[in-house]
Protein backbone atom coordinates (compact mmCIF):
# COMPACT_ATOMS: atom_id res chain seq x y z
CA MET A 1 -13.21 47.58 5.03
CA ALA A 2 -14.45 45.65 8.62
CA THR A 3 -11.52 44.08 10.08
CA PRO A 4 -11.19 41.29 13.10
CA ARG A 5 -9.90 41.91 15.90
CA PRO A 6 -5.71 41.13 15.71
CA ASP A 7 -6.00 38.59 18.86
CA ARG A 8 -7.99 36.01 16.98
CA ALA A 9 -8.17 33.84 13.98
CA VAL A 10 -10.05 34.96 11.08
CA THR A 11 -13.92 33.63 10.88
CA MET A 12 -16.18 32.97 8.56
CA ARG A 13 -18.46 35.72 9.91
CA ASP A 14 -15.58 38.67 9.65
CA VAL A 15 -15.39 37.34 5.70
CA ALA A 16 -19.25 37.66 5.41
CA LEU A 17 -19.22 41.14 7.04
CA ALA A 18 -16.00 42.08 4.86
CA ALA A 19 -17.71 41.22 1.71
CA GLY A 20 -21.15 42.11 2.41
CA VAL A 21 -22.57 38.71 2.08
CA SER A 22 -23.99 35.87 4.56
CA GLN A 23 -21.63 33.34 5.78
CA ALA A 24 -23.73 30.62 3.22
CA THR A 25 -22.24 32.56 0.79
CA VAL A 26 -19.03 32.54 1.92
CA SER A 27 -19.04 28.73 2.43
CA ASN A 28 -20.63 28.27 -1.22
CA ALA A 29 -17.20 30.35 -2.61
CA TYR A 30 -15.06 27.52 -0.95
CA THR A 31 -17.40 24.19 -1.74
CA GLY A 32 -18.72 25.44 -5.29
CA SER A 33 -22.27 24.59 -4.12
CA GLY A 34 -24.84 27.17 -4.68
CA ARG A 35 -26.00 29.87 -7.58
CA LEU A 36 -23.06 31.71 -7.30
CA SER A 37 -21.67 33.83 -10.27
CA PRO A 38 -17.63 33.70 -10.82
CA ASP A 39 -17.31 37.34 -10.19
CA ARG A 40 -18.97 36.90 -6.95
CA ARG A 41 -17.42 34.03 -6.26
CA GLU A 42 -14.15 35.29 -6.56
CA HIS A 43 -14.40 38.93 -4.70
CA VAL A 44 -15.90 36.87 -2.02
CA LEU A 45 -12.18 34.97 -2.15
CA ALA A 46 -10.27 37.71 -2.47
CA VAL A 47 -11.66 39.23 1.09
CA ALA A 48 -10.58 36.24 2.14
CA ARG A 49 -7.33 36.40 1.17
CA GLU A 50 -6.99 39.99 2.27
CA LEU A 51 -8.14 39.31 5.84
CA GLY A 52 -6.01 35.93 6.13
CA TYR A 53 -9.15 33.71 6.29
CA PRO A 54 -7.79 30.10 5.56
CA GLY A 55 -11.02 28.92 4.62
CA PRO A 56 -13.60 26.81 6.29
CA SER A 57 -12.18 23.99 8.92
CA GLY A 58 -12.44 20.59 8.30
CA ALA A 59 -14.12 19.66 11.37
CA GLY A 60 -16.60 22.30 10.60
CA ARG A 61 -17.62 20.58 7.68
CA SER A 62 -17.90 17.25 9.14
CA LEU A 63 -20.67 18.54 11.99
CA ARG A 64 -22.56 20.58 9.22
CA THR A 65 -22.31 17.49 6.46
CA GLY A 66 -21.57 13.93 8.48
CA SER A 67 -18.42 13.96 5.84
CA THR A 68 -14.69 14.65 6.61
CA GLY A 69 -13.44 14.46 3.07
CA ALA A 70 -10.96 12.39 3.68
CA VAL A 71 -10.53 8.84 3.62
CA GLY A 72 -7.82 6.50 5.96
CA VAL A 73 -5.28 4.27 4.42
CA MET A 74 -3.86 2.00 6.89
CA VAL A 75 -0.12 0.35 6.70
CA THR A 76 1.93 -1.89 8.65
CA ASP A 77 4.93 -0.32 8.76
CA ALA A 78 6.54 3.33 9.86
CA LEU A 79 5.51 6.30 7.78
CA THR A 80 8.89 5.92 5.41
CA PHE A 81 7.63 2.46 4.01
CA ALA A 82 4.56 4.19 2.43
CA LEU A 83 7.01 7.09 1.05
CA GLU A 84 9.63 4.80 0.02
CA ASP A 85 8.73 1.00 -0.58
CA ALA A 86 8.14 1.61 -4.61
CA ALA A 87 5.16 -1.11 -4.14
CA ALA A 88 3.19 1.34 -1.61
CA VAL A 89 4.22 4.44 -3.71
CA GLU A 90 2.85 2.74 -7.06
CA LEU A 91 -0.40 1.98 -5.44
CA LEU A 92 -0.72 5.51 -3.41
CA ARG A 93 -0.46 6.99 -6.70
CA GLY A 94 -3.43 5.27 -7.91
CA ILE A 95 -5.45 5.88 -4.75
CA ALA A 96 -4.39 9.56 -4.88
CA ALA A 97 -5.33 9.81 -8.46
CA VAL A 98 -8.97 8.90 -7.69
CA GLY A 99 -8.92 11.17 -4.82
CA GLU A 100 -8.10 14.28 -6.63
CA ALA A 101 -10.76 13.76 -9.05
CA ARG A 102 -13.65 13.09 -6.40
CA GLU A 103 -11.55 16.09 -3.73
CA VAL A 104 -10.98 13.32 -1.30
CA ALA A 105 -7.88 13.75 0.88
CA LEU A 106 -5.56 11.05 2.55
CA THR A 107 -4.71 10.20 5.47
CA LEU A 108 -1.99 7.86 5.90
CA LEU A 109 -2.24 5.52 9.38
CA PRO A 110 0.90 3.75 9.79
CA PHE A 111 1.01 0.95 12.49
CA PRO A 112 5.27 0.02 13.06
CA VAL A 113 6.55 -3.48 13.50
CA GLY A 114 7.36 -3.78 17.00
CA ALA A 115 4.49 -1.37 18.17
CA ASP A 116 1.94 -2.73 20.82
CA GLU A 117 -1.07 -3.65 18.76
CA ALA A 118 -3.81 -2.68 20.70
CA ALA A 119 -2.37 0.85 21.62
CA ALA A 120 -2.05 1.10 17.97
CA ALA A 121 -5.35 0.39 17.26
CA ALA A 122 -6.56 2.89 19.56
CA ALA A 123 -4.52 5.47 18.10
CA SER A 124 -5.73 4.77 14.91
CA THR A 125 -9.20 5.44 15.78
CA ARG A 126 -8.09 8.94 17.95
CA ARG A 127 -6.67 10.28 14.59
CA GLY A 128 -8.66 8.68 11.77
CA VAL A 129 -11.41 11.51 11.03
CA VAL A 130 -12.16 9.78 7.67
CA ASP A 131 -15.06 8.31 6.36
CA GLY A 132 -13.84 5.21 5.56
CA PHE A 133 -10.89 3.45 5.77
CA LEU A 134 -8.36 1.30 2.65
CA VAL A 135 -6.51 -1.36 4.56
CA PHE A 136 -3.39 -2.20 2.59
CA SER A 137 -1.79 -5.96 3.53
CA MET A 138 -2.44 -5.66 6.91
CA PRO A 139 -1.93 -9.03 8.76
CA ASP A 140 -4.38 -11.52 10.38
CA ARG A 141 -6.15 -10.02 13.42
CA HIS A 142 -4.76 -7.19 13.46
CA PRO A 143 -6.68 -4.80 16.23
CA ALA A 144 -6.35 -2.08 14.03
CA VAL A 145 -8.67 -3.61 11.54
CA GLU A 146 -10.52 -4.76 14.32
CA ALA A 147 -10.86 -1.19 15.70
CA ALA A 148 -11.79 0.24 11.87
CA LEU A 149 -14.39 -2.70 11.58
CA ALA A 150 -16.35 -1.56 15.20
CA ARG A 151 -16.77 1.82 13.70
CA ARG A 152 -18.93 0.79 11.47
CA GLU A 153 -17.66 2.96 8.68
CA PRO A 154 -16.73 1.83 5.23
CA LEU A 155 -13.95 -0.36 4.73
CA VAL A 156 -12.16 -1.76 1.78
CA LEU A 157 -9.45 -4.22 1.72
CA ILE A 158 -6.31 -4.53 -0.54
CA ASP A 159 -4.42 -7.66 -0.28
CA GLY A 160 -5.21 -8.77 3.14
CA PRO A 161 -6.47 -9.61 5.45
CA ARG A 162 -9.53 -11.77 4.07
CA LEU A 163 -12.65 -11.13 5.71
CA ASP A 164 -15.99 -12.35 5.00
CA GLY A 165 -18.50 -9.93 3.85
CA VAL A 166 -15.83 -6.98 3.54
CA PRO A 167 -14.87 -6.05 -0.45
CA LEU A 168 -11.34 -7.15 -1.05
CA VAL A 169 -8.77 -5.71 -4.16
CA GLY A 170 -6.27 -8.36 -4.75
CA ILE A 171 -4.48 -11.20 -7.14
CA ASP A 172 -4.11 -14.39 -7.13
CA ASP A 173 -0.69 -14.25 -5.11
CA ALA A 174 -0.26 -18.04 -5.28
CA GLY A 175 -1.37 -18.73 -8.95
CA ALA A 176 1.05 -15.56 -9.67
CA ALA A 177 3.95 -17.32 -7.62
CA ARG A 178 3.85 -20.87 -9.18
CA GLU A 179 3.52 -19.80 -13.07
CA ALA A 180 6.46 -17.50 -12.03
CA ALA A 181 8.54 -20.11 -10.42
CA THR A 182 7.26 -23.02 -13.06
CA ALA A 183 8.94 -20.40 -15.89
CA VAL A 184 12.32 -20.32 -14.02
CA LEU A 185 12.26 -24.15 -12.91
CA ASP A 186 11.55 -25.12 -16.59
CA GLY A 187 15.30 -24.10 -17.01
CA GLY A 188 16.65 -26.63 -15.15
CA ARG A 189 17.29 -24.56 -11.42
CA ARG A 190 16.83 -27.04 -8.74
CA ARG A 191 18.00 -25.48 -5.67
CA VAL A 192 16.49 -22.66 -5.10
CA ALA A 193 15.82 -19.88 -1.59
CA VAL A 194 12.59 -18.26 -1.22
CA LEU A 195 12.83 -14.75 0.39
CA VAL A 196 10.21 -12.97 2.09
CA ASP A 197 10.33 -9.55 3.83
CA ARG A 198 8.47 -11.29 6.94
CA LEU A 199 5.80 -13.96 7.07
CA SER A 200 3.99 -11.96 10.35
CA PRO A 201 5.09 -8.80 11.89
CA ASP A 202 7.06 -9.82 14.93
CA GLY A 203 10.50 -8.97 13.89
CA ARG A 204 11.90 -12.85 13.61
CA ALA A 205 14.41 -13.98 11.15
CA GLY A 206 15.70 -16.24 9.69
CA VAL A 207 15.09 -20.13 7.90
CA ALA A 208 11.19 -20.18 7.85
CA ASP A 209 10.12 -23.97 9.13
CA ALA A 210 6.81 -25.59 8.42
CA ALA A 211 5.15 -24.28 11.54
CA ARG A 212 6.04 -20.88 10.95
CA LEU A 213 4.90 -21.02 7.21
CA ARG A 214 1.38 -22.29 8.78
CA GLU A 215 0.97 -19.44 11.41
CA ALA A 216 2.06 -16.80 8.87
CA ARG A 217 -0.25 -13.78 9.61
CA ASP A 218 0.48 -12.07 6.58
CA GLN A 219 -1.89 -13.17 3.78
CA ALA A 220 -0.18 -12.00 0.61
CA ALA A 221 3.44 -12.99 1.85
CA ARG A 222 1.58 -16.42 2.90
CA GLU A 223 0.35 -17.21 -0.52
CA ARG A 224 3.33 -15.97 -2.35
CA VAL A 225 5.39 -18.19 -0.43
CA ALA A 226 3.10 -21.32 -1.22
CA GLY A 227 2.89 -20.86 -4.90
CA TYR A 228 6.82 -20.93 -4.84
CA LEU A 229 7.01 -23.79 -2.82
CA ALA A 230 3.79 -25.87 -4.90
CA ALA A 231 6.14 -25.35 -8.35
CA CYS A 232 9.23 -26.42 -6.62
CA GLU A 233 7.75 -29.59 -5.48
CA ALA A 234 6.17 -30.25 -8.59
CA VAL A 235 9.18 -30.61 -10.28
CA GLY A 236 11.85 -31.67 -7.14
CA ALA A 237 13.46 -28.99 -6.84
CA GLU A 238 14.70 -28.18 -3.05
CA ALA A 239 13.55 -25.04 -1.65
CA THR A 240 14.16 -22.97 1.92
CA VAL A 241 12.35 -20.05 2.62
CA ILE A 242 13.97 -17.21 4.97
CA GLU A 243 12.53 -14.61 6.85
CA ALA A 244 14.24 -10.67 6.49
CA GLY A 245 12.47 -9.80 9.74
CA ALA A 246 12.18 -6.20 8.51
CA PHE A 247 11.25 -3.94 5.99
CA SER A 248 14.64 -2.67 4.83
CA PRO A 249 17.45 -2.72 2.16
CA PRO A 250 20.35 -3.83 4.81
CA ALA A 251 18.05 -6.30 5.97
CA PHE A 252 17.07 -7.61 2.41
CA ARG A 253 20.75 -7.69 1.73
CA ALA A 254 21.28 -9.69 4.90
CA VAL A 255 19.18 -12.49 4.24
CA THR A 256 20.78 -12.72 0.64
CA ALA A 257 23.76 -13.83 2.05
CA ALA A 258 22.33 -16.17 4.65
CA ALA A 259 20.94 -17.63 1.12
CA LEU A 260 24.26 -17.63 -0.49
CA ALA A 261 25.20 -20.16 2.54
CA LEU A 262 22.71 -22.82 1.05
CA ASP A 263 25.19 -25.87 -0.84
CA GLY A 264 24.10 -25.19 -4.69
CA LEU A 265 21.77 -22.49 -4.63
CA ASP A 266 21.03 -21.53 -8.58
CA ALA A 267 18.00 -19.33 -7.86
CA ILE A 268 16.33 -16.59 -5.71
CA PHE A 269 12.61 -16.30 -5.47
CA ALA A 270 11.43 -12.94 -3.86
CA ALA A 271 8.22 -11.97 -2.38
CA THR A 272 8.27 -8.73 -3.97
CA ASP A 273 10.45 -6.74 -5.87
CA ALA A 274 12.55 -4.73 -3.14
CA VAL A 275 13.74 -7.80 -1.84
CA ALA A 276 14.73 -9.37 -5.01
CA LEU A 277 16.43 -5.69 -6.03
CA ALA A 278 18.61 -5.82 -2.79
CA ALA A 279 19.47 -9.36 -3.98
CA LEU A 280 20.79 -8.17 -7.33
CA ALA A 281 22.80 -5.82 -5.21
CA GLU A 282 24.40 -7.98 -3.06
CA LEU A 283 25.33 -10.47 -5.77
CA ASP A 284 26.70 -7.74 -7.86
CA ALA A 285 29.02 -6.66 -5.03
CA ARG A 286 30.28 -10.55 -4.26
CA GLY A 287 30.92 -10.61 -8.20
CA ILE A 288 28.38 -13.33 -8.68
CA ASP A 289 26.87 -13.64 -12.09
CA VAL A 290 23.06 -13.08 -12.81
CA PRO A 291 21.50 -15.47 -14.61
CA GLY A 292 24.43 -17.32 -15.20
CA GLN A 293 25.12 -18.41 -11.51
CA ILE A 294 22.38 -17.56 -9.74
CA ALA A 295 18.38 -16.54 -11.14
CA VAL A 296 16.88 -14.27 -9.43
CA LEU A 297 12.78 -13.53 -9.58
CA GLY A 298 11.02 -10.40 -8.01
CA PHE A 299 6.73 -9.78 -7.52
CA ASP A 300 5.19 -6.79 -8.25
CA GLY A 301 5.75 -5.05 -11.12
CA THR A 302 7.63 -1.98 -10.15
CA ALA A 303 8.97 0.56 -12.09
CA GLU A 304 12.33 -0.17 -10.87
CA ALA A 305 12.18 -4.10 -11.56
CA ALA A 306 11.73 -2.77 -15.29
CA ARG A 307 14.57 -0.04 -15.21
CA VAL A 308 17.23 -2.97 -14.20
CA GLY A 309 15.55 -6.23 -15.80
CA LEU A 310 14.11 -7.96 -13.04
CA SER A 311 11.99 -10.87 -13.85
CA THR A 312 8.70 -10.25 -12.13
CA VAL A 313 5.22 -10.72 -11.58
CA ASP A 314 3.40 -7.41 -12.93
CA GLN A 315 0.44 -7.16 -10.66
CA SER A 316 -0.82 -3.26 -12.33
CA LEU A 317 -0.47 -1.81 -8.65
CA VAL A 318 -1.51 1.83 -9.67
CA GLU A 319 -4.72 -0.05 -11.19
CA LYS A 320 -5.04 -1.94 -7.86
CA GLY A 321 -4.88 1.45 -5.77
CA SER A 322 -7.27 3.24 -7.98
CA GLN A 323 -9.91 0.16 -8.04
CA ALA A 324 -9.60 -0.08 -4.62
CA MET A 325 -10.48 3.96 -3.88
CA ARG A 326 -13.33 3.56 -6.45
CA MET A 327 -14.65 0.91 -4.35
CA LEU A 328 -14.34 2.67 -1.28
CA LEU A 329 -16.13 6.02 -2.53
CA ALA A 330 -18.69 3.77 -3.77
CA ALA A 331 -19.68 2.58 -0.44
CA ILE A 332 -19.03 5.77 1.15
CA ASP A 333 -22.27 6.86 -1.28
CA ARG A 334 -24.43 4.19 0.12
CA THR A 335 -23.69 1.40 -2.67
CA GLU A 336 -22.47 -2.20 -1.95
CA PRO A 337 -19.08 -2.68 -3.95
CA GLU A 338 -18.21 -6.55 -4.77
CA SER A 339 -14.58 -8.32 -4.09
CA VAL A 340 -12.26 -7.57 -7.50
CA LEU A 341 -9.58 -10.28 -8.20
CA LEU A 342 -7.04 -8.23 -10.80
CA SER A 343 -5.06 -10.24 -13.13
CA THR A 344 -1.29 -10.46 -13.27
CA ARG A 345 1.60 -10.47 -16.17
CA LEU A 346 4.69 -12.85 -15.77
CA GLN A 347 7.42 -10.38 -16.93
CA LEU A 348 10.60 -12.62 -17.83
CA ARG A 349 13.92 -10.28 -18.03
CA ARG A 350 17.34 -10.39 -18.17
CA THR A 351 17.81 -11.75 -14.55
CA THR A 352 16.60 -15.40 -14.94
CA ALA A 353 17.44 -16.13 -18.41
CA PRO A 354 19.98 -14.09 -20.68
CA GLY A 355 18.26 -12.53 -23.99
CA PHE A 356 15.14 -11.67 -22.03
CA GLY A 357 13.88 -7.81 -21.61
């Protein structure tokens, strides 16, 4: 059997010579294309394994077919956010399930808060060797989204930003938040803290005034807060919006502590389950009864919320991810997907009224 020189990497040509086949046959053995018998395919792959050949390179495939076989998922935070946040994990699970079925890889493109947005946008175009982009809840006017659009490759938005002519998968955040808040307020709660991780990616923490709310760049957070406030206004409840300024459990517990300084506080409406779960931990540490003294409402419908009995808005995150991926793959296949608004379901559990969950 022919062997390559030990001072260089094994190539497809080496495998072809050793197996007594053409390079096209080696390629077909890996891709499953062409009319190759199972025995012949296994022979080629066995020779490749013996030689230590890792398989055709993605760059080579891109040059031959014009496709990388990968899509980019853009998120507004460090990579740890996508790997640790329960809502993001469930969404990515849905994306990955569809990708695996179609043999499409995922490339995560994180944009940490505090990083220079223009520099991050440039970096995304360099490392994003992909056939299209899924944009997960990026802020309005983020240069990375503009850079992705400038590449003229298929792109699907998840939650936001909302752009004319660009397909989006989302929900009625404001309507769902208002429905959930109304259900809790119907129980008589009248002093509310609306807690949000951040309204814009600038790290600002503390009470958000009307101007801050108008300037908010995060689509989902802005609409959920608006829905909560509309419900409070409808019944004359007093509400204060407070930002954590960062996406981390310590920041969420700190914003909960700030809310506890409000006189007569009897309800916390959180923009995400992650914020609500941290609030529950802080309240428990202080010996505050939930829901006896303070009711807590989340938003997302994560598995952890169900486990602890957190009242929340279930937005079927796995299905949202799957739908977005199907739409992007359709766009890559030259169809034009239309925007989709998915339904939500209010889950009232023990944190807003005893006897639920």
